[in-house]
C-alpha atoms as a PDB file:
ATOM      1  CA  MET A   1       0.940   6.466  19.004  1.00  0.00           C
ATOM      2  CA  GLU A   2      -2.113   4.239  18.993  1.00  0.00           C
ATOM      3  CA  GLU A   3      -1.409   0.624  18.079  1.00  0.00           C
ATOM      4  CA  LEU A   4      -3.730  -0.551  15.301  1.00  0.00           C
ATOM      5  CA  ILE A   5      -2.564  -4.028  14.305  1.00  0.00           C
ATOM      6  CA  GLU A   6      -0.195  -6.591  15.763  1.00  0.00           C
ATOM      7  CA  LEU A   7       1.162  -9.591  13.893  1.00  0.00           C
ATOM      8  CA  ARG A   8       2.212 -12.117  16.516  1.00  0.00           C
ATOM      9  CA  ASN A   9       4.424 -15.110  15.613  1.00  0.00           C
ATOM     10  CA  ILE A  10       2.931 -15.346  12.130  1.00  0.00           C
ATOM     11  CA  THR A  11       3.892 -18.217   9.846  1.00  0.00           C
ATOM     12  CA  ALA A  12       2.229 -18.087   6.436  1.00  0.00           C
ATOM     13  CA  GLY A  13       2.529 -19.468   2.946  1.00  0.00           C
ATOM     14  CA  TYR A  14       0.778 -21.512   0.297  1.00  0.00           C
ATOM     15  CA  ASP A  15      -0.037 -25.200   0.705  1.00  0.00           C
ATOM     16  CA  ASN A  16       3.020 -26.577   2.540  1.00  0.00           C
ATOM     17  CA  ASN A  17       5.392 -23.881   1.244  1.00  0.00           C
ATOM     18  CA  ILE A  18       6.296 -21.475   4.067  1.00  0.00           C
ATOM     19  CA  ILE A  19       6.955 -17.938   2.812  1.00  0.00           C
ATOM     20  CA  LEU A  20       6.906 -16.048   6.123  1.00  0.00           C
ATOM     21  CA  ASP A  21       8.150 -17.560   9.356  1.00  0.00           C
ATOM     22  CA  SER A  22       7.784 -16.271  12.931  1.00  0.00           C
ATOM     23  CA  VAL A  23       6.858 -12.732  11.939  1.00  0.00           C
ATOM     24  CA  ASN A  24       6.245 -10.186  14.685  1.00  0.00           C
ATOM     25  CA  MET A  25       5.244  -6.680  13.680  1.00  0.00           C
ATOM     26  CA  LYS A  26       3.162  -3.790  14.981  1.00  0.00           C
ATOM     27  CA  ILE A  27       1.432  -1.075  12.972  1.00  0.00           C
ATOM     28  CA  HIS A  28       0.651   2.197  14.693  1.00  0.00           C
ATOM     29  CA  ASP A  29      -1.496   5.185  13.852  1.00  0.00           C
ATOM     30  CA  ASN A  30       0.274   7.537  11.404  1.00  0.00           C
ATOM     31  CA  ASP A  31       3.017   5.042  10.569  1.00  0.00           C
ATOM     32  CA  PHE A  32       4.503   5.315   7.077  1.00  0.00           C
ATOM     33  CA  ILE A  33       6.247   2.010   6.471  1.00  0.00           C
ATOM     34  CA  GLY A  34       8.283   1.288   3.355  1.00  0.00           C
ATOM     35  CA  VAL A  35       8.397  -2.469   2.723  1.00  0.00           C
ATOM     36  CA  ILE A  36      11.430  -3.768   0.831  1.00  0.00           C
ATOM     37  CA  GLY A  37      12.951  -7.174   0.187  1.00  0.00           C
ATOM     38  CA  PRO A  38      14.022  -9.595  -2.533  1.00  0.00           C
ATOM     39  CA  ASN A  39      11.602 -11.130  -5.015  1.00  0.00           C
ATOM     40  CA  GLY A  40       9.973 -14.130  -3.361  1.00  0.00           C
ATOM     41  CA  GLY A  41      10.918 -12.868   0.098  1.00  0.00           C
ATOM     42  CA  GLY A  42       7.305 -12.511   1.202  1.00  0.00           C
ATOM     43  CA  LYS A  43       6.336  -8.861   0.679  1.00  0.00           C
ATOM     44  CA  THR A  44       3.030  -9.609  -1.057  1.00  0.00           C
ATOM     45  CA  THR A  45       2.321 -12.487   1.329  1.00  0.00           C
ATOM     46  CA  LEU A  46       2.732 -10.090   4.268  1.00  0.00           C
ATOM     47  CA  ILE A  47       0.202  -7.719   2.689  1.00  0.00           C
ATOM     48  CA  LYS A  48      -2.257 -10.553   2.068  1.00  0.00           C
ATOM     49  CA  VAL A  49      -1.990 -11.666   5.699  1.00  0.00           C
ATOM     50  CA  ILE A  50      -2.790  -8.147   6.924  1.00  0.00           C
ATOM     51  CA  LEU A  51      -5.711  -7.906   4.492  1.00  0.00           C
ATOM     52  CA  GLY A  52      -7.048 -11.291   5.589  1.00  0.00           C
ATOM     53  CA  ILE A  53      -6.680 -12.792   2.104  1.00  0.00           C
ATOM     54  CA  ILE A  54      -4.349 -15.446   3.528  1.00  0.00           C
ATOM     55  CA  LYS A  55      -4.988 -17.168   6.838  1.00  0.00           C
ATOM     56  CA  PRO A  56      -1.775 -17.750   8.819  1.00  0.00           C
ATOM     57  CA  MET A  57      -0.606 -21.335   9.362  1.00  0.00           C
ATOM     58  CA  LYS A  58       0.494 -20.289  12.837  1.00  0.00           C
ATOM     59  CA  GLY A  59       0.235 -17.197  14.994  1.00  0.00           C
ATOM     60  CA  GLU A  60      -2.420 -14.521  15.016  1.00  0.00           C
ATOM     61  CA  ILE A  61      -3.162 -11.079  13.680  1.00  0.00           C
ATOM     62  CA  ILE A  62      -4.733  -8.835  16.292  1.00  0.00           C
ATOM     63  CA  PHE A  63      -6.804  -5.778  15.411  1.00  0.00           C
ATOM     64  CA  LYS A  64      -6.600  -3.453  18.407  1.00  0.00           C
ATOM     65  CA  ASN A  65      -9.620  -1.480  17.266  1.00  0.00           C
ATOM     66  CA  ASN A  66     -12.603  -3.565  16.177  1.00  0.00           C
ATOM     67  CA  LYS A  67     -13.216  -1.171  13.297  1.00  0.00           C
ATOM     68  CA  THR A  68      -9.665  -1.311  11.940  1.00  0.00           C
ATOM     69  CA  LYS A  69     -10.205  -4.494   9.947  1.00  0.00           C
ATOM     70  CA  ASN A  70     -12.971  -2.782   7.982  1.00  0.00           C
ATOM     71  CA  LEU A  71     -11.023   0.423   7.475  1.00  0.00           C
ATOM     72  CA  ILE A  72      -8.101  -0.699   5.317  1.00  0.00           C
ATOM     73  CA  GLY A  73      -7.719   0.846   1.869  1.00  0.00           C
ATOM     74  CA  TYR A  74      -5.802  -1.236  -0.659  1.00  0.00           C
ATOM     75  CA  LEU A  75      -4.154  -0.447  -3.981  1.00  0.00           C
ATOM     76  CA  PRO A  76      -2.963  -3.732  -5.522  1.00  0.00           C
ATOM     77  CA  GLN A  77       0.071  -4.008  -7.772  1.00  0.00           C
ATOM     78  CA  TYR A  78      -2.065  -4.961 -10.744  1.00  0.00           C
ATOM     79  CA  ASN A  79      -5.529  -3.532 -11.294  1.00  0.00           C
ATOM     80  CA  ILE A  80      -8.325  -6.015 -10.784  1.00  0.00           C
ATOM     81  CA  PHE A  81     -10.883  -4.585 -13.206  1.00  0.00           C
ATOM     82  CA  ASP A  82     -11.802  -6.195 -16.502  1.00  0.00           C
ATOM     83  CA  LYS A  83     -11.381  -3.449 -19.102  1.00  0.00           C
ATOM     84  CA  ALA A  84     -14.386  -4.819 -20.985  1.00  0.00           C
ATOM     85  CA  PHE A  85     -16.669  -4.249 -17.982  1.00  0.00           C
ATOM     86  CA  PRO A  86     -18.977  -1.256 -18.658  1.00  0.00           C
ATOM     87  CA  ILE A  87     -18.123   0.850 -15.617  1.00  0.00           C
ATOM     88  CA  SER A  88     -17.117   4.505 -15.490  1.00  0.00           C
ATOM     89  CA  ILE A  89     -14.150   6.024 -13.669  1.00  0.00           C
ATOM     90  CA  LEU A  90     -16.539   7.687 -11.228  1.00  0.00           C
ATOM     91  CA  GLU A  91     -18.167   4.335 -10.463  1.00  0.00           C
ATOM     92  CA  VAL A  92     -14.747   2.727  -9.926  1.00  0.00           C
ATOM     93  CA  VAL A  93     -13.909   5.321  -7.285  1.00  0.00           C
ATOM     94  CA  MET A  94     -17.302   5.101  -5.560  1.00  0.00           C
ATOM     95  CA  SER A  95     -17.010   1.296  -5.420  1.00  0.00           C
ATOM     96  CA  GLY A  96     -14.545   1.873  -2.595  1.00  0.00           C
ATOM     97  CA  LEU A  97     -17.586   2.709  -0.443  1.00  0.00           C
ATOM     98  CA  MET A  98     -19.386  -0.594  -1.043  1.00  0.00           C
ATOM     99  CA  SER A  99     -18.249  -2.152   2.243  1.00  0.00           C
ATOM    100  CA  ASN A 100     -20.087   0.638   4.065  1.00  0.00           C
ATOM    101  CA  LYS A 101     -23.374   0.024   2.279  1.00  0.00           C
ATOM    102  CA  LYS A 102     -26.171  -2.485   2.487  1.00  0.00           C
ATOM    103  CA  LEU A 103     -26.963  -4.771  -0.423  1.00  0.00           C
ATOM    104  CA  TYR A 104     -28.480  -2.838  -3.375  1.00  0.00           C
ATOM    105  CA  GLN A 105     -28.119   0.478  -1.543  1.00  0.00           C
ATOM    106  CA  ARG A 106     -27.599   3.293  -4.040  1.00  0.00           C
ATOM    107  CA  TYR A 107     -24.759   5.801  -4.043  1.00  0.00           C
ATOM    108  CA  THR A 108     -25.729   9.196  -2.666  1.00  0.00           C
ATOM    109  CA  ALA A 109     -25.000  12.706  -3.872  1.00  0.00           C
ATOM    110  CA  ASN A 110     -22.427  12.935  -1.089  1.00  0.00           C
ATOM    111  CA  ASP A 111     -20.720   9.774  -2.344  1.00  0.00           C
ATOM    112  CA  LYS A 112     -20.463  11.299  -5.805  1.00  0.00           C
ATOM    113  CA  ALA A 113     -19.115  14.563  -4.378  1.00  0.00           C
ATOM    114  CA  LEU A 114     -16.421  12.678  -2.439  1.00  0.00           C
ATOM    115  CA  ALA A 115     -15.407  10.772  -5.571  1.00  0.00           C
ATOM    116  CA  MET A 116     -15.342  13.894  -7.747  1.00  0.00           C
ATOM    117  CA  ASN A 117     -13.197  15.712  -5.206  1.00  0.00           C
ATOM    118  CA  LEU A 118     -10.632  12.911  -5.289  1.00  0.00           C
ATOM    119  CA  LEU A 119     -10.694  12.754  -9.086  1.00  0.00           C
ATOM    120  CA  ASN A 120     -10.045  16.478  -9.113  1.00  0.00           C
ATOM    121  CA  ILE A 121      -7.062  16.012  -6.796  1.00  0.00           C
ATOM    122  CA  VAL A 122      -5.463  13.427  -9.107  1.00  0.00           C
ATOM    123  CA  GLY A 123      -6.302  15.318 -12.304  1.00  0.00           C
ATOM    124  CA  LEU A 124      -9.072  13.049 -13.580  1.00  0.00           C
ATOM    125  CA  GLU A 125     -12.100  15.273 -13.046  1.00  0.00           C
ATOM    126  CA  ASN A 126     -12.659  15.529 -16.814  1.00  0.00           C
ATOM    127  CA  TYR A 127     -12.597  11.748 -17.189  1.00  0.00           C
ATOM    128  CA  SER A 128     -15.234  10.867 -14.602  1.00  0.00           C
ATOM    129  CA  ASN A 129     -17.712   9.544 -17.170  1.00  0.00           C
ATOM    130  CA  TYR A 130     -15.137   7.711 -19.272  1.00  0.00           C
ATOM    131  CA  LYS A 131     -15.356   3.924 -19.339  1.00  0.00           C
ATOM    132  CA  ILE A 132     -12.332   2.072 -18.003  1.00  0.00           C
ATOM    133  CA  SER A 133     -11.708   0.749 -21.520  1.00  0.00           C
ATOM    134  CA  GLU A 134     -11.106   4.337 -22.669  1.00  0.00           C
ATOM    135  CA  ILE A 135      -8.274   5.305 -20.306  1.00  0.00           C
ATOM    136  CA  SER A 136      -4.589   4.473 -19.929  1.00  0.00           C
ATOM    137  CA  GLY A 137      -3.002   2.256 -17.301  1.00  0.00           C
ATOM    138  CA  GLY A 138      -1.647   5.314 -15.488  1.00  0.00           C
ATOM    139  CA  GLN A 139      -5.068   6.934 -15.364  1.00  0.00           C
ATOM    140  CA  MET A 140      -6.550   3.694 -14.075  1.00  0.00           C
ATOM    141  CA  GLN A 141      -3.934   3.606 -11.325  1.00  0.00           C
ATOM    142  CA  ARG A 142      -4.918   7.129 -10.270  1.00  0.00           C
ATOM    143  CA  ALA A 143      -8.580   6.111 -10.154  1.00  0.00           C
ATOM    144  CA  LEU A 144      -7.775   3.032  -8.081  1.00  0.00           C
ATOM    145  CA  LEU A 145      -5.778   5.195  -5.665  1.00  0.00           C
ATOM    146  CA  CYS A 146      -8.896   7.344  -5.221  1.00  0.00           C
ATOM    147  CA  ARG A 147     -10.937   4.169  -4.690  1.00  0.00           C
ATOM    148  CA  ALA A 148      -8.514   3.056  -1.964  1.00  0.00           C
ATOM    149  CA  VAL A 149      -8.875   6.255   0.081  1.00  0.00           C
ATOM    150  CA  ILE A 150     -12.495   7.306  -0.495  1.00  0.00           C
ATOM    151  CA  SER A 151     -13.686   5.488   2.646  1.00  0.00           C
ATOM    152  CA  ASN A 152     -11.124   7.429   4.735  1.00  0.00           C
ATOM    153  CA  PRO A 153      -9.332   4.270   5.955  1.00  0.00           C
ATOM    154  CA  LYS A 154      -7.184   4.070   9.067  1.00  0.00           C
ATOM    155  CA  ILE A 155      -4.559   2.158   7.080  1.00  0.00           C
ATOM    156  CA  LEU A 156      -3.696   2.541   3.387  1.00  0.00           C
ATOM    157  CA  ILE A 157      -1.775  -0.353   1.800  1.00  0.00           C
ATOM    158  CA  LEU A 158      -0.008   0.246  -1.517  1.00  0.00           C
ATOM    159  CA  ASP A 159       1.663  -2.551  -3.483  1.00  0.00           C
ATOM    160  CA  GLU A 160       4.117  -1.050  -6.009  1.00  0.00           C
ATOM    161  CA  PRO A 161       1.849   1.991  -6.554  1.00  0.00           C
ATOM    162  CA  VAL A 162       3.941   3.719  -9.240  1.00  0.00           C
ATOM    163  CA  THR A 163       3.989   0.768 -11.651  1.00  0.00           C
ATOM    164  CA  TYR A 164       1.926   2.538 -14.326  1.00  0.00           C
ATOM    165  CA  VAL A 165       2.060   6.228 -13.415  1.00  0.00           C
ATOM    166  CA  ASP A 166       4.249   8.837 -15.097  1.00  0.00           C
ATOM    167  CA  ASN A 167       7.064  10.689 -13.337  1.00  0.00           C
ATOM    168  CA  THR A 168       5.006  13.859 -12.919  1.00  0.00           C
ATOM    169  CA  PHE A 169       2.158  12.168 -11.075  1.00  0.00           C
ATOM    170  CA  GLU A 170       4.615  10.023  -9.104  1.00  0.00           C
ATOM    171  CA  LYS A 171       5.945  13.192  -7.467  1.00  0.00           C
ATOM    172  CA  GLU A 172       2.420  14.489  -6.914  1.00  0.00           C
ATOM    173  CA  MET A 173       1.382  11.156  -5.414  1.00  0.00           C
ATOM    174  CA  TYR A 174       4.106  11.273  -2.768  1.00  0.00           C
ATOM    175  CA  GLY A 175       2.907  14.758  -1.851  1.00  0.00           C
ATOM    176  CA  LEU A 176      -0.617  13.393  -1.455  1.00  0.00           C
ATOM    177  CA  LEU A 177       0.606  10.477   0.650  1.00  0.00           C
ATOM    178  CA  LYS A 178       2.478  12.869   2.936  1.00  0.00           C
ATOM    179  CA  GLU A 179      -0.724  14.838   3.473  1.00  0.00           C
ATOM    180  CA  TRP A 180      -2.899  11.726   3.921  1.00  0.00           C
ATOM    181  CA  ASN A 181      -0.374  10.300   6.375  1.00  0.00           C
ATOM    182  CA  LYS A 182      -1.483  12.937   8.875  1.00  0.00           C
ATOM    183  CA  ASP A 183      -4.782  11.048   9.191  1.00  0.00           C
ATOM    184  CA  MET A 184      -3.913   7.460   8.279  1.00  0.00           C
ATOM    185  CA  SER A 185      -1.127   4.914   8.433  1.00  0.00           C
ATOM    186  CA  ILE A 186       0.481   3.945   5.141  1.00  0.00           C
ATOM    187  CA  ILE A 187       2.234   0.708   4.209  1.00  0.00           C
ATOM    188  CA  MET A 188       3.983   0.893   0.855  1.00  0.00           C
ATOM    189  CA  VAL A 189       5.664  -2.039  -0.893  1.00  0.00           C
ATOM    190  CA  SER A 190       8.375  -0.952  -3.312  1.00  0.00           C
ATOM    191  CA  HIS A 191      11.420  -2.364  -5.066  1.00  0.00           C
ATOM    192  CA  ASP A 192      12.938   1.129  -5.150  1.00  0.00           C
ATOM    193  CA  ILE A 193      13.416   2.252  -1.568  1.00  0.00           C
ATOM    194  CA  GLY A 194      16.112   4.618  -2.821  1.00  0.00           C
ATOM    195  CA  ILE A 195      13.291   6.819  -4.104  1.00  0.00           C
ATOM    196  CA  ILE A 196      10.680   6.465  -1.382  1.00  0.00           C
ATOM    197  CA  SER A 197      13.132   6.604   1.537  1.00  0.00           C
ATOM    198  CA  SER A 198      12.760  10.380   1.619  1.00  0.00           C
ATOM    199  CA  HIS A 199       9.030   9.891   2.247  1.00  0.00           C
ATOM    200  CA  VAL A 200       8.632   6.904   4.587  1.00  0.00           C
ATOM    201  CA  LYS A 201       9.276   6.982   8.323  1.00  0.00           C
ATOM    202  CA  THR A 202      10.140   3.314   8.881  1.00  0.00           C
ATOM    203  CA  ILE A 203      11.605   0.591   6.674  1.00  0.00           C
ATOM    204  CA  ALA A 204      10.582  -3.050   6.992  1.00  0.00           C
ATOM    205  CA  CYS A 205      12.763  -5.607   5.234  1.00  0.00           C
ATOM    206  CA  VAL A 206      10.873  -8.777   4.334  1.00  0.00           C
ATOM    207  CA  ASN A 207      12.951 -11.859   3.603  1.00  0.00           C
ATOM    208  CA  ARG A 208      11.066 -14.806   5.108  1.00  0.00           C
ATOM    209  CA  SER A 209      11.146 -12.890   8.392  1.00  0.00           C
ATOM    210  CA  VAL A 210      10.332  -9.197   8.890  1.00  0.00           C
ATOM    211  CA  TYR A 211      12.957  -6.817  10.251  1.00  0.00           C
ATOM    212  CA  VAL A 212      11.708  -3.331  11.106  1.00  0.00           C
ATOM    213  CA  HIS A 213      14.217  -0.483  10.983  1.00  0.00           C
ATOM    214  CA  LYS A 214      12.877   2.539  12.853  1.00  0.00           C
ATOM    215  CA  SER A 215      14.272   5.046  10.390  1.00  0.00           C
ATOM    216  CA  ASN A 216      14.065   5.933   6.723  1.00  0.00           C
ATOM    217  CA  ILE A 217      17.854   5.797   6.458  1.00  0.00           C
ATOM    218  CA  ILE A 218      19.363   2.354   6.136  1.00  0.00           C
ATOM    219  CA  ASP A 219      22.865   1.257   5.163  1.00  0.00           C
ATOM    220  CA  ASN A 220      24.435  -1.936   3.852  1.00  0.00           C
ATOM    221  CA  GLU A 221      25.650  -2.989   7.311  1.00  0.00           C
ATOM    222  CA  THR A 222      22.105  -2.904   8.638  1.00  0.00           C
ATOM    223  CA  LEU A 223      20.760  -4.736   5.593  1.00  0.00           C
ATOM    224  CA  GLU A 224      23.357  -7.488   5.997  1.00  0.00           C
ATOM    225  CA  ARG A 225      22.586  -7.822   9.703  1.00  0.00           C
ATOM    226  CA  TYR A 226      18.914  -8.199   8.822  1.00  0.00           C
ATOM    227  CA  ASN A 227      19.741 -10.689   6.051  1.00  0.00           C
ATOM    228  CA  CYS A 228      18.131  -8.405   3.497  1.00  0.00           C
ATOM    229  CA  PRO A 229      20.029  -8.595   0.185  1.00  0.00           C
ATOM    230  CA  ILE A 230      19.065  -5.148  -1.091  1.00  0.00           C
ATOM    231  CA  ASP A 231      21.950  -2.838  -1.926  1.00  0.00           C
ATOM    232  CA  ILE A 232      20.571   0.621  -1.226  1.00  0.00           C
ATOM    233  CA  ILE A 233      21.968   3.498   0.782  1.00  0.00           C
ATOM    234  CA  THR A 234      20.400   6.872   1.439  1.00  0.00           C
ATOM    235  CA  HIS A 235      22.051   9.841   3.041  1.00  0.00           C
ATOM    236  CA  GLY A 236      21.956  13.582   2.769  1.00  0.00           C
ATOM    237  CA  ARG A 237      19.032  15.112   0.957  1.00  0.00           C
ATOM    238  CA  VAL A 238      19.292  13.060  -2.225  1.00  0.00           C
ATOM    239  CA  PRO A 239      18.687   9.307  -1.852  1.00  0.00           C
ATOM    240  CA  HIS A 240      20.606   7.094  -4.250  1.00  0.00           C
ATOM    241  CA  ARG A 241      21.401   3.472  -4.886  1.00  0.00           C
ATOM    242  CA  VAL A 242      24.811   1.865  -4.507  1.00  0.00           C
ATOM    243  CA  LEU A 243      25.401  -1.532  -6.106  1.00  0.00           C
ATOM    244  CA  LYS A 244      28.079  -3.901  -4.857  1.00  0.00           C
ATOM    245  CA  ASN A 245      30.730  -5.222  -7.208  1.00  0.00           C
ATOM    246  CA  HIS A 246      29.260  -7.838  -9.506  1.00  0.00           C
END
């Protein structure tokens, strides 16, 4: 597989507080990485380093393809739109194309068609002209997912993507991600790897360092070896969670 990004000896944090230390990680074409770890372990910091929001204190992030840095789609954990802002759902989705346009360049008919196709896929085609103040949090999350993929990115990064969506769309979303994974790499942060383990290909445990497990099946022995205090086991066809005595 083609290597897209390499994190080499990355140390990162905020002010003098180190959150990630000596991180080495590679992201390849068509990877589907499930990112797990304890609260405060550095999952969001890792995402921000990859996105370029945080500059590492040490080390370097290497984009193997010069275009990769501009072809990352991102769905944040919390939506970043002010509900009072007068923008439609269609415009939210098309805003994912802004990085490909010149200043003041208008959206084209093709842009609108791409956005409408995605809205149709996620069941929002009848809401395209609704203002963001008129829809639910789950509907907004669907629109932001469309926004993240409309530019056909090489890498799609999802930070707790099912926070607001209902169970029905959650299942549909994983089906979409499986299909999209044929053409793009996916990095998904989740606190519930017991659910997504049947979908990801690789699990990365983030707890100050990053430990990559080249499988979607991970047991307590492996988690303890990687110093990852998450008590989750998957086996057979039905993933489930096992909690230690407490």
